[in-house]
Amino acid sequence: MIHEHLDFPFAMTVNIVLVDTSLEKAATEFWLGTHTRGNKGLKDERKGPWIAEEHLDARRKISPPIQPSISKGSVIIRDFRLWHAGMPNQTSEPRIMLALVRFMLL
């Protein structure tokens, strides 16, 4: 089942980074600005919850994703709707992050 995000903020995610991350060590990919709308009509029904490739390509032309290195102990607070992706870990060390989600619907 695919769930569509709403067009207004309805949840926040707090990520606590438990180990240093880098491009090689699976730093999360973030698509800045994608939280400003819902995801209605953007998902590929055949692939599950992921944004369809044509929408990723279009967004990449406006604002490509970033993959920042983040230090152990850092806290990331983000709108739940922000497009993000776990990336491959090219090291033998695990990449661990704690995620807490707070839904704000009444």
PDB file of N, CA and C in Angstrom:
ATOM      1  N   MET A   1       0.844  -1.178   0.000  1.00  0.00           N
ATOM      2  CA  MET A   1       0.000   0.000   0.000  1.00  0.00           C
ATOM      3  C   MET A   1       0.890   1.242   0.000  1.00  0.00           C
ATOM      4  N   ILE A   2       0.563   2.195  -0.821  1.00  0.00           N
ATOM      5  CA  ILE A   2       1.318   3.430  -0.900  1.00  0.00           C
ATOM      6  C   ILE A   2       0.539   4.527  -0.194  1.00  0.00           C
ATOM      7  N   HIS A   3       1.204   5.201   0.707  1.00  0.00           N
ATOM      8  CA  HIS A   3       0.567   6.286   1.442  1.00  0.00           C
ATOM      9  C   HIS A   3       1.017   7.620   0.863  1.00  0.00           C
ATOM     10  N   GLU A   4       0.075   8.483   0.626  1.00  0.00           N
ATOM     11  CA  GLU A   4       0.404   9.812   0.107  1.00  0.00           C
ATOM     12  C   GLU A   4       0.615  10.768   1.269  1.00  0.00           C
ATOM     13  N   HIS A   5       1.638  11.600   1.151  1.00  0.00           N
ATOM     14  CA  HIS A   5       1.889  12.618   2.160  1.00  0.00           C
ATOM     15  C   HIS A   5       0.950  13.790   1.930  1.00  0.00           C
ATOM     16  N   LEU A   6       0.622  14.467   2.996  1.00  0.00           N
ATOM     17  CA  LEU A   6      -0.270  15.614   2.927  1.00  0.00           C
ATOM     18  C   LEU A   6       0.481  16.837   2.416  1.00  0.00           C
ATOM     19  N   ASP A   7      -0.251  17.857   2.009  1.00  0.00           N
ATOM     20  CA  ASP A   7       0.350  19.087   1.488  1.00  0.00           C
ATOM     21  C   ASP A   7       0.675  20.098   2.590  1.00  0.00           C
ATOM     22  N   PHE A   8       0.665  19.676   3.822  1.00  0.00           N
ATOM     23  CA  PHE A   8       1.038  20.543   4.945  1.00  0.00           C
ATOM     24  C   PHE A   8       1.849  19.704   5.938  1.00  0.00           C
ATOM     25  N   PRO A   9       2.647  20.349   6.783  1.00  0.00           N
ATOM     26  CA  PRO A   9       3.453  19.597   7.748  1.00  0.00           C
ATOM     27  C   PRO A   9       2.557  18.799   8.693  1.00  0.00           C
ATOM     28  N   PHE A  10       2.806  17.511   8.805  1.00  0.00           N
ATOM     29  CA  PHE A  10       1.997  16.669   9.681  1.00  0.00           C
ATOM     30  C   PHE A  10       2.854  15.792  10.596  1.00  0.00           C
ATOM     31  N   ALA A  11       4.150  15.771  10.350  1.00  0.00           N
ATOM     32  CA  ALA A  11       5.039  14.971  11.195  1.00  0.00           C
ATOM     33  C   ALA A  11       6.454  15.520  11.077  1.00  0.00           C
ATOM     34  N   MET A  12       7.236  15.258  12.112  1.00  0.00           N
ATOM     35  CA  MET A  12       8.626  15.681  12.110  1.00  0.00           C
ATOM     36  C   MET A  12       9.459  14.461  12.479  1.00  0.00           C
ATOM     37  N   THR A  13      10.635  14.387  11.897  1.00  0.00           N
ATOM     38  CA  THR A  13      11.562  13.303  12.201  1.00  0.00           C
ATOM     39  C   THR A  13      12.806  13.899  12.842  1.00  0.00           C
ATOM     40  N   VAL A  14      13.256  13.257  13.896  1.00  0.00           N
ATOM     41  CA  VAL A  14      14.521  13.607  14.528  1.00  0.00           C
ATOM     42  C   VAL A  14      15.440  12.406  14.328  1.00  0.00           C
ATOM     43  N   ASN A  15      16.542  12.627  13.625  1.00  0.00           N
ATOM     44  CA  ASN A  15      17.550  11.585  13.433  1.00  0.00           C
ATOM     45  C   ASN A  15      18.725  11.891  14.346  1.00  0.00           C
ATOM     46  N   ILE A  16      19.157  10.906  15.107  1.00  0.00           N
ATOM     47  CA  ILE A  16      20.347  11.033  15.946  1.00  0.00           C
ATOM     48  C   ILE A  16      21.417  10.154  15.315  1.00  0.00           C
ATOM     49  N   VAL A  17      22.503  10.798  14.899  1.00  0.00           N
ATOM     50  CA  VAL A  17      23.579  10.096  14.199  1.00  0.00           C
ATOM     51  C   VAL A  17      24.473   9.436  15.246  1.00  0.00           C
ATOM     52  N   LEU A  18      24.575   8.107  15.205  1.00  0.00           N
ATOM     53  CA  LEU A  18      25.305   7.363  16.230  1.00  0.00           C
ATOM     54  C   LEU A  18      26.738   7.016  15.846  1.00  0.00           C
ATOM     55  N   VAL A  19      27.087   7.229  14.574  1.00  0.00           N
ATOM     56  CA  VAL A  19      28.468   7.044  14.100  1.00  0.00           C
ATOM     57  C   VAL A  19      28.736   8.113  13.043  1.00  0.00           C
ATOM     58  N   ASP A  20      29.995   8.462  12.845  1.00  0.00           N
ATOM     59  CA  ASP A  20      30.334   9.405  11.777  1.00  0.00           C
ATOM     60  C   ASP A  20      29.891   8.837  10.432  1.00  0.00           C
ATOM     61  N   THR A  21      29.366   9.696   9.559  1.00  0.00           N
ATOM     62  CA  THR A  21      29.007   9.261   8.211  1.00  0.00           C
ATOM     63  C   THR A  21      29.811  10.057   7.192  1.00  0.00           C
ATOM     64  N   SER A  22      29.922   9.511   6.011  1.00  0.00           N
ATOM     65  CA  SER A  22      30.647  10.154   4.911  1.00  0.00           C
ATOM     66  C   SER A  22      30.091   9.571   3.617  1.00  0.00           C
ATOM     67  N   LEU A  23      30.570  10.055   2.485  1.00  0.00           N
ATOM     68  CA  LEU A  23      30.134   9.480   1.209  1.00  0.00           C
ATOM     69  C   LEU A  23      30.407   7.981   1.174  1.00  0.00           C
ATOM     70  N   GLU A  24      31.538   7.569   1.718  1.00  0.00           N
ATOM     71  CA  GLU A  24      31.890   6.148   1.722  1.00  0.00           C
ATOM     72  C   GLU A  24      31.091   5.378   2.776  1.00  0.00           C
ATOM     73  N   LYS A  25      30.742   6.036   3.863  1.00  0.00           N
ATOM     74  CA  LYS A  25      30.056   5.370   4.971  1.00  0.00           C
ATOM     75  C   LYS A  25      28.582   5.760   5.039  1.00  0.00           C
ATOM     76  N   ALA A  26      27.915   5.626   3.919  1.00  0.00           N
ATOM     77  CA  ALA A  26      26.457   5.643   3.836  1.00  0.00           C
ATOM     78  C   ALA A  26      25.771   6.905   4.359  1.00  0.00           C
ATOM     79  N   ALA A  27      26.353   8.076   4.128  1.00  0.00           N
ATOM     80  CA  ALA A  27      25.675   9.311   4.517  1.00  0.00           C
ATOM     81  C   ALA A  27      24.319   9.375   3.814  1.00  0.00           C
ATOM     82  N   THR A  28      23.276   9.727   4.545  1.00  0.00           N
ATOM     83  CA  THR A  28      21.931   9.811   3.987  1.00  0.00           C
ATOM     84  C   THR A  28      21.871  10.882   2.908  1.00  0.00           C
ATOM     85  N   GLU A  29      21.146  10.586   1.849  1.00  0.00           N
ATOM     86  CA  GLU A  29      20.922  11.553   0.768  1.00  0.00           C
ATOM     87  C   GLU A  29      19.654  12.340   1.093  1.00  0.00           C
ATOM     88  N   PHE A  30      19.746  13.675   1.007  1.00  0.00           N
ATOM     89  CA  PHE A  30      18.606  14.550   1.267  1.00  0.00           C
ATOM     90  C   PHE A  30      18.295  15.378   0.027  1.00  0.00           C
ATOM     91  N   TRP A  31      17.015  15.550  -0.267  1.00  0.00           N
ATOM     92  CA  TRP A  31      16.551  16.349  -1.399  1.00  0.00           C
ATOM     93  C   TRP A  31      15.937  17.626  -0.839  1.00  0.00           C
ATOM     94  N   LEU A  32      16.752  18.661  -0.706  1.00  0.00           N
ATOM     95  CA  LEU A  32      16.303  19.904  -0.075  1.00  0.00           C
ATOM     96  C   LEU A  32      15.128  20.530  -0.837  1.00  0.00           C
ATOM     97  N   GLY A  33      14.165  21.023  -0.079  1.00  0.00           N
ATOM     98  CA  GLY A  33      13.005  21.692  -0.658  1.00  0.00           C
ATOM     99  C   GLY A  33      11.842  20.784  -1.022  1.00  0.00           C
ATOM    100  N   THR A  34      12.038  19.483  -0.966  1.00  0.00           N
ATOM    101  CA  THR A  34      10.963  18.570  -1.379  1.00  0.00           C
ATOM    102  C   THR A  34       9.872  18.421  -0.329  1.00  0.00           C
ATOM    103  N   HIS A  35      10.067  18.999   0.831  1.00  0.00           N
ATOM    104  CA  HIS A  35       9.069  18.918   1.899  1.00  0.00           C
ATOM    105  C   HIS A  35       7.928  19.912   1.715  1.00  0.00           C
ATOM    106  N   THR A  36       7.997  20.772   0.715  1.00  0.00           N
ATOM    107  CA  THR A  36       7.020  21.851   0.581  1.00  0.00           C
ATOM    108  C   THR A  36       5.714  21.425  -0.072  1.00  0.00           C
ATOM    109  N   ARG A  37       5.609  20.174  -0.441  1.00  0.00           N
ATOM    110  CA  ARG A  37       4.361  19.657  -1.011  1.00  0.00           C
ATOM    111  C   ARG A  37       4.229  18.181  -0.677  1.00  0.00           C
ATOM    112  N   GLY A  38       3.072  17.645  -0.889  1.00  0.00           N
ATOM    113  CA  GLY A  38       2.870  16.221  -0.673  1.00  0.00           C
ATOM    114  C   GLY A  38       3.516  15.421  -1.795  1.00  0.00           C
ATOM    115  N   ASN A  39       3.246  14.132  -1.821  1.00  0.00           N
ATOM    116  CA  ASN A  39       3.835  13.282  -2.855  1.00  0.00           C
ATOM    117  C   ASN A  39       2.782  12.683  -3.789  1.00  0.00           C
ATOM    118  N   LYS A  40       1.582  13.242  -3.775  1.00  0.00           N
ATOM    119  CA  LYS A  40       0.499  12.712  -4.594  1.00  0.00           C
ATOM    120  C   LYS A  40       0.890  12.705  -6.069  1.00  0.00           C
ATOM    121  N   GLY A  41       0.779  11.547  -6.701  1.00  0.00           N
ATOM    122  CA  GLY A  41       1.075  11.399  -8.114  1.00  0.00           C
ATOM    123  C   GLY A  41       2.556  11.263  -8.429  1.00  0.00           C
ATOM    124  N   LEU A  42       3.413  11.203  -7.409  1.00  0.00           N
ATOM    125  CA  LEU A  42       4.852  11.131  -7.652  1.00  0.00           C
ATOM    126  C   LEU A  42       5.424   9.727  -7.500  1.00  0.00           C
ATOM    127  N   LYS A  43       4.684   8.832  -6.928  1.00  0.00           N
ATOM    128  CA  LYS A  43       5.219   7.501  -6.634  1.00  0.00           C
ATOM    129  C   LYS A  43       5.004   6.540  -7.790  1.00  0.00           C
ATOM    130  N   ASP A  44       5.891   5.573  -7.880  1.00  0.00           N
ATOM    131  CA  ASP A  44       5.801   4.526  -8.899  1.00  0.00           C
ATOM    132  C   ASP A  44       5.078   3.338  -8.267  1.00  0.00           C
ATOM    133  N   GLU A  45       3.835   3.137  -8.642  1.00  0.00           N
ATOM    134  CA  GLU A  45       2.998   2.085  -8.052  1.00  0.00           C
ATOM    135  C   GLU A  45       3.646   0.702  -8.144  1.00  0.00           C
ATOM    136  N   ARG A  46       4.465   0.486  -9.157  1.00  0.00           N
ATOM    137  CA  ARG A  46       5.090  -0.823  -9.347  1.00  0.00           C
ATOM    138  C   ARG A  46       6.266  -1.051  -8.408  1.00  0.00           C
ATOM    139  N   LYS A  47       6.868   0.025  -7.928  1.00  0.00           N
ATOM    140  CA  LYS A  47       8.078  -0.091  -7.110  1.00  0.00           C
ATOM    141  C   LYS A  47       7.835   0.159  -5.634  1.00  0.00           C
ATOM    142  N   GLY A  48       6.600   0.334  -5.223  1.00  0.00           N
ATOM    143  CA  GLY A  48       6.315   0.548  -3.823  1.00  0.00           C
ATOM    144  C   GLY A  48       6.381   2.012  -3.432  1.00  0.00           C
ATOM    145  N   PRO A  49       7.000   2.320  -2.281  1.00  0.00           N
ATOM    146  CA  PRO A  49       6.920   3.682  -1.743  1.00  0.00           C
ATOM    147  C   PRO A  49       7.888   4.692  -2.349  1.00  0.00           C
ATOM    148  N   TRP A  50       8.629   4.339  -3.369  1.00  0.00           N
ATOM    149  CA  TRP A  50       9.645   5.254  -3.899  1.00  0.00           C
ATOM    150  C   TRP A  50       9.101   6.203  -4.952  1.00  0.00           C
ATOM    151  N   ILE A  51       9.694   7.389  -4.998  1.00  0.00           N
ATOM    152  CA  ILE A  51       9.347   8.401  -5.992  1.00  0.00           C
ATOM    153  C   ILE A  51       9.757   7.873  -7.367  1.00  0.00           C
ATOM    154  N   ALA A  52       8.888   8.040  -8.351  1.00  0.00           N
ATOM    155  CA  ALA A  52       9.160   7.560  -9.713  1.00  0.00           C
ATOM    156  C   ALA A  52      10.384   8.273 -10.291  1.00  0.00           C
ATOM    157  N   GLU A  53      11.153   7.555 -11.073  1.00  0.00           N
ATOM    158  CA  GLU A  53      12.416   8.057 -11.620  1.00  0.00           C
ATOM    159  C   GLU A  53      12.250   9.355 -12.408  1.00  0.00           C
ATOM    160  N   GLU A  54      11.164   9.495 -13.167  1.00  0.00           N
ATOM    161  CA  GLU A  54      10.997  10.726 -13.946  1.00  0.00           C
ATOM    162  C   GLU A  54      10.856  11.957 -13.043  1.00  0.00           C
ATOM    163  N   HIS A  55      10.272  11.777 -11.848  1.00  0.00           N
ATOM    164  CA  HIS A  55      10.144  12.892 -10.904  1.00  0.00           C
ATOM    165  C   HIS A  55      11.485  13.191 -10.237  1.00  0.00           C
ATOM    166  N   LEU A  56      12.279  12.147  -9.995  1.00  0.00           N
ATOM    167  CA  LEU A  56      13.631  12.363  -9.462  1.00  0.00           C
ATOM    168  C   LEU A  56      14.477  13.135 -10.475  1.00  0.00           C
ATOM    169  N   ASP A  57      14.387  12.738 -11.739  1.00  0.00           N
ATOM    170  CA  ASP A  57      15.151  13.420 -12.791  1.00  0.00           C
ATOM    171  C   ASP A  57      14.754  14.893 -12.905  1.00  0.00           C
ATOM    172  N   ALA A  58      13.455  15.169 -12.853  1.00  0.00           N
ATOM    173  CA  ALA A  58      12.979  16.556 -12.946  1.00  0.00           C
ATOM    174  C   ALA A  58      13.459  17.363 -11.747  1.00  0.00           C
ATOM    175  N   ARG A  59      13.381  16.791 -10.569  1.00  0.00           N
ATOM    176  CA  ARG A  59      13.814  17.502  -9.352  1.00  0.00           C
ATOM    177  C   ARG A  59      15.325  17.720  -9.365  1.00  0.00           C
ATOM    178  N   ARG A  60      16.060  16.745  -9.854  1.00  0.00           N
ATOM    179  CA  ARG A  60      17.526  16.841  -9.928  1.00  0.00           C
ATOM    180  C   ARG A  60      17.957  18.079 -10.723  1.00  0.00           C
ATOM    181  N   LYS A  61      17.167  18.465 -11.747  1.00  0.00           N
ATOM    182  CA  LYS A  61      17.483  19.646 -12.551  1.00  0.00           C
ATOM    183  C   LYS A  61      17.268  20.942 -11.758  1.00  0.00           C
ATOM    184  N   ILE A  62      16.330  20.937 -10.822  1.00  0.00           N
ATOM    185  CA  ILE A  62      16.023  22.109  -9.998  1.00  0.00           C
ATOM    186  C   ILE A  62      16.996  22.205  -8.823  1.00  0.00           C
ATOM    187  N   SER A  63      17.136  21.102  -8.114  1.00  0.00           N
ATOM    188  CA  SER A  63      17.976  21.059  -6.915  1.00  0.00           C
ATOM    189  C   SER A  63      18.394  19.613  -6.682  1.00  0.00           C
ATOM    190  N   PRO A  64      19.608  19.253  -7.092  1.00  0.00           N
ATOM    191  CA  PRO A  64      20.040  17.865  -6.910  1.00  0.00           C
ATOM    192  C   PRO A  64      20.183  17.519  -5.431  1.00  0.00           C
ATOM    193  N   PRO A  65      20.149  16.246  -5.111  1.00  0.00           N
ATOM    194  CA  PRO A  65      20.270  15.850  -3.710  1.00  0.00           C
ATOM    195  C   PRO A  65      21.668  16.144  -3.170  1.00  0.00           C
ATOM    196  N   ILE A  66      21.747  16.253  -1.850  1.00  0.00           N
ATOM    197  CA  ILE A  66      23.039  16.400  -1.187  1.00  0.00           C
ATOM    198  C   ILE A  66      23.251  15.173  -0.309  1.00  0.00           C
ATOM    199  N   GLN A  67      24.497  14.883  -0.027  1.00  0.00           N
ATOM    200  CA  GLN A  67      24.839  13.748   0.827  1.00  0.00           C
ATOM    201  C   GLN A  67      25.931  14.216   1.800  1.00  0.00           C
ATOM    202  N   PRO A  68      25.532  14.958   2.845  1.00  0.00           N
ATOM    203  CA  PRO A  68      26.528  15.546   3.742  1.00  0.00           C
ATOM    204  C   PRO A  68      27.150  14.520   4.690  1.00  0.00           C
ATOM    205  N   SER A  69      28.433  14.720   4.973  1.00  0.00           N
ATOM    206  CA  SER A  69      29.084  13.950   6.033  1.00  0.00           C
ATOM    207  C   SER A  69      28.603  14.538   7.356  1.00  0.00           C
ATOM    208  N   ILE A  70      28.214  13.673   8.272  1.00  0.00           N
ATOM    209  CA  ILE A  70      27.640  14.128   9.537  1.00  0.00           C
ATOM    210  C   ILE A  70      28.368  13.427  10.674  1.00  0.00           C
ATOM    211  N   SER A  71      28.708  14.186  11.700  1.00  0.00           N
ATOM    212  CA  SER A  71      29.481  13.657  12.822  1.00  0.00           C
ATOM    213  C   SER A  71      28.609  12.921  13.832  1.00  0.00           C
ATOM    214  N   LYS A  72      29.190  11.910  14.441  1.00  0.00           N
ATOM    215  CA  LYS A  72      28.552  11.164  15.529  1.00  0.00           C
ATOM    216  C   LYS A  72      28.052  12.146  16.581  1.00  0.00           C
ATOM    217  N   GLY A  73      26.821  11.938  17.055  1.00  0.00           N
ATOM    218  CA  GLY A  73      26.234  12.810  18.067  1.00  0.00           C
ATOM    219  C   GLY A  73      25.409  13.946  17.503  1.00  0.00           C
ATOM    220  N   SER A  74      25.464  14.148  16.188  1.00  0.00           N
ATOM    221  CA  SER A  74      24.673  15.207  15.561  1.00  0.00           C
ATOM    222  C   SER A  74      23.197  14.840  15.570  1.00  0.00           C
ATOM    223  N   VAL A  75      22.357  15.861  15.553  1.00  0.00           N
ATOM    224  CA  VAL A  75      20.910  15.679  15.516  1.00  0.00           C
ATOM    225  C   VAL A  75      20.380  16.371  14.265  1.00  0.00           C
ATOM    226  N   ILE A  76      19.556  15.670  13.517  1.00  0.00           N
ATOM    227  CA  ILE A  76      18.930  16.215  12.310  1.00  0.00           C
ATOM    228  C   ILE A  76      17.432  16.288  12.586  1.00  0.00           C
ATOM    229  N   ILE A  77      16.858  17.459  12.429  1.00  0.00           N
ATOM    230  CA  ILE A  77      15.407  17.621  12.577  1.00  0.00           C
ATOM    231  C   ILE A  77      14.870  17.982  11.208  1.00  0.00           C
ATOM    232  N   ARG A  78      13.922  17.190  10.707  1.00  0.00           N
ATOM    233  CA  ARG A  78      13.426  17.426   9.359  1.00  0.00           C
ATOM    234  C   ARG A  78      11.936  17.147   9.265  1.00  0.00           C
ATOM    235  N   ASP A  79      11.320  17.797   8.306  1.00  0.00           N
ATOM    236  CA  ASP A  79       9.932  17.529   7.948  1.00  0.00           C
ATOM    237  C   ASP A  79       9.858  16.089   7.433  1.00  0.00           C
ATOM    238  N   PHE A  80       8.899  15.349   7.896  1.00  0.00           N
ATOM    239  CA  PHE A  80       8.732  13.947   7.520  1.00  0.00           C
ATOM    240  C   PHE A  80       8.619  13.772   6.002  1.00  0.00           C
ATOM    241  N   ARG A  81       8.107  14.789   5.312  1.00  0.00           N
ATOM    242  CA  ARG A  81       7.871  14.687   3.868  1.00  0.00           C
ATOM    243  C   ARG A  81       9.134  14.865   3.032  1.00  0.00           C
ATOM    244  N   LEU A  82      10.234  15.320   3.638  1.00  0.00           N
ATOM    245  CA  LEU A  82      11.465  15.552   2.889  1.00  0.00           C
ATOM    246  C   LEU A  82      11.942  14.252   2.247  1.00  0.00           C
ATOM    247  N   TRP A  83      12.168  14.300   0.936  1.00  0.00           N
ATOM    248  CA  TRP A  83      12.702  13.122   0.264  1.00  0.00           C
ATOM    249  C   TRP A  83      14.086  12.847   0.815  1.00  0.00           C
ATOM    250  N   HIS A  84      14.356  11.581   1.113  1.00  0.00           N
ATOM    251  CA  HIS A  84      15.658  11.181   1.619  1.00  0.00           C
ATOM    252  C   HIS A  84      15.873   9.720   1.249  1.00  0.00           C
ATOM    253  N   ALA A  85      17.117   9.299   1.283  1.00  0.00           N
ATOM    254  CA  ALA A  85      17.405   7.909   0.906  1.00  0.00           C
ATOM    255  C   ALA A  85      18.641   7.418   1.634  1.00  0.00           C
ATOM    256  N   GLY A  86      18.567   6.184   2.111  1.00  0.00           N
ATOM    257  CA  GLY A  86      19.755   5.518   2.623  1.00  0.00           C
ATOM    258  C   GLY A  86      20.652   5.184   1.437  1.00  0.00           C
ATOM    259  N   MET A  87      21.929   5.352   1.620  1.00  0.00           N
ATOM    260  CA  MET A  87      22.876   5.132   0.528  1.00  0.00           C
ATOM    261  C   MET A  87      23.778   3.945   0.861  1.00  0.00           C
ATOM    262  N   PRO A  88      24.427   3.361  -0.155  1.00  0.00           N
ATOM    263  CA  PRO A  88      25.275   2.189   0.091  1.00  0.00           C
ATOM    264  C   PRO A  88      26.450   2.506   1.012  1.00  0.00           C
ATOM    265  N   ASN A  89      26.734   1.572   1.897  1.00  0.00           N
ATOM    266  CA  ASN A  89      27.876   1.686   2.793  1.00  0.00           C
ATOM    267  C   ASN A  89      29.041   0.946   2.141  1.00  0.00           C
ATOM    268  N   GLN A  90      30.091   1.669   1.796  1.00  0.00           N
ATOM    269  CA  GLN A  90      31.241   1.078   1.116  1.00  0.00           C
ATOM    270  C   GLN A  90      32.348   0.690   2.093  1.00  0.00           C
ATOM    271  N   THR A  91      32.034   0.713   3.392  1.00  0.00           N
ATOM    272  CA  THR A  91      33.006   0.321   4.405  1.00  0.00           C
ATOM    273  C   THR A  91      32.521  -0.944   5.104  1.00  0.00           C
ATOM    274  N   SER A  92      33.363  -1.503   5.945  1.00  0.00           N
ATOM    275  CA  SER A  92      32.972  -2.692   6.716  1.00  0.00           C
ATOM    276  C   SER A  92      32.354  -2.308   8.061  1.00  0.00           C
ATOM    277  N   GLU A  93      32.319  -1.012   8.375  1.00  0.00           N
ATOM    278  CA  GLU A  93      31.741  -0.533   9.625  1.00  0.00           C
ATOM    279  C   GLU A  93      30.255  -0.227   9.428  1.00  0.00           C
ATOM    280  N   PRO A  94      29.407  -0.620  10.376  1.00  0.00           N
ATOM    281  CA  PRO A  94      27.975  -0.323  10.227  1.00  0.00           C
ATOM    282  C   PRO A  94      27.693   1.170  10.360  1.00  0.00           C
ATOM    283  N   ARG A  95      26.659   1.631   9.678  1.00  0.00           N
ATOM    284  CA  ARG A  95      26.191   3.014   9.795  1.00  0.00           C
ATOM    285  C   ARG A  95      24.877   2.952  10.557  1.00  0.00           C
ATOM    286  N   ILE A  96      24.876   3.520  11.744  1.00  0.00           N
ATOM    287  CA  ILE A  96      23.721   3.408  12.629  1.00  0.00           C
ATOM    288  C   ILE A  96      23.153   4.796  12.901  1.00  0.00           C
ATOM    289  N   MET A  97      21.832   4.911  12.780  1.00  0.00           N
ATOM    290  CA  MET A  97      21.159   6.178  13.058  1.00  0.00           C
ATOM    291  C   MET A  97      19.834   5.856  13.748  1.00  0.00           C
ATOM    292  N   LEU A  98      19.501   6.644  14.732  1.00  0.00           N
ATOM    293  CA  LEU A  98      18.241   6.496  15.444  1.00  0.00           C
ATOM    294  C   LEU A  98      17.248   7.493  14.871  1.00  0.00           C
ATOM    295  N   ALA A  99      16.047   7.044  14.563  1.00  0.00           N
ATOM    296  CA  ALA A  99      15.022   7.936  14.018  1.00  0.00           C
ATOM    297  C   ALA A  99      13.808   7.950  14.941  1.00  0.00           C
ATOM    298  N   LEU A 100      13.375   9.150  15.288  1.00  0.00           N
ATOM    299  CA  LEU A 100      12.173   9.338  16.100  1.00  0.00           C
ATOM    300  C   LEU A 100      11.202  10.169  15.279  1.00  0.00           C
ATOM    301  N   VAL A 101       9.961   9.731  15.186  1.00  0.00           N
ATOM    302  CA  VAL A 101       8.966  10.439  14.376  1.00  0.00           C
ATOM    303  C   VAL A 101       7.832  10.885  15.297  1.00  0.00           C
ATOM    304  N   ARG A 102       7.452  12.137  15.163  1.00  0.00           N
ATOM    305  CA  ARG A 102       6.345  12.699  15.932  1.00  0.00           C
ATOM    306  C   ARG A 102       5.280  13.172  14.961  1.00  0.00           C
ATOM    307  N   PHE A 103       4.115  12.527  15.001  1.00  0.00           N
ATOM    308  CA  PHE A 103       2.988  12.932  14.154  1.00  0.00           C
ATOM    309  C   PHE A 103       2.207  14.006  14.884  1.00  0.00           C
ATOM    310  N   MET A 104       1.774  15.043  14.145  1.00  0.00           N
ATOM    311  CA  MET A 104       1.154  16.205  14.764  1.00  0.00           C
ATOM    312  C   MET A 104      -0.292  16.405  14.324  1.00  0.00           C
ATOM    313  N   LEU A 105      -0.948  15.364  13.886  1.00  0.00           N
ATOM    314  CA  LEU A 105      -2.344  15.490  13.470  1.00  0.00           C
ATOM    315  C   LEU A 105      -3.257  15.503  14.686  1.00  0.00           C
ATOM    316  N   LEU A 106      -4.328  16.234  14.567  1.00  0.00           N
ATOM    317  CA  LEU A 106      -5.313  16.293  15.650  1.00  0.00           C
ATOM    318  C   LEU A 106      -6.436  15.324  15.380  1.00  0.00           C
TER     319      LEU A 106
END
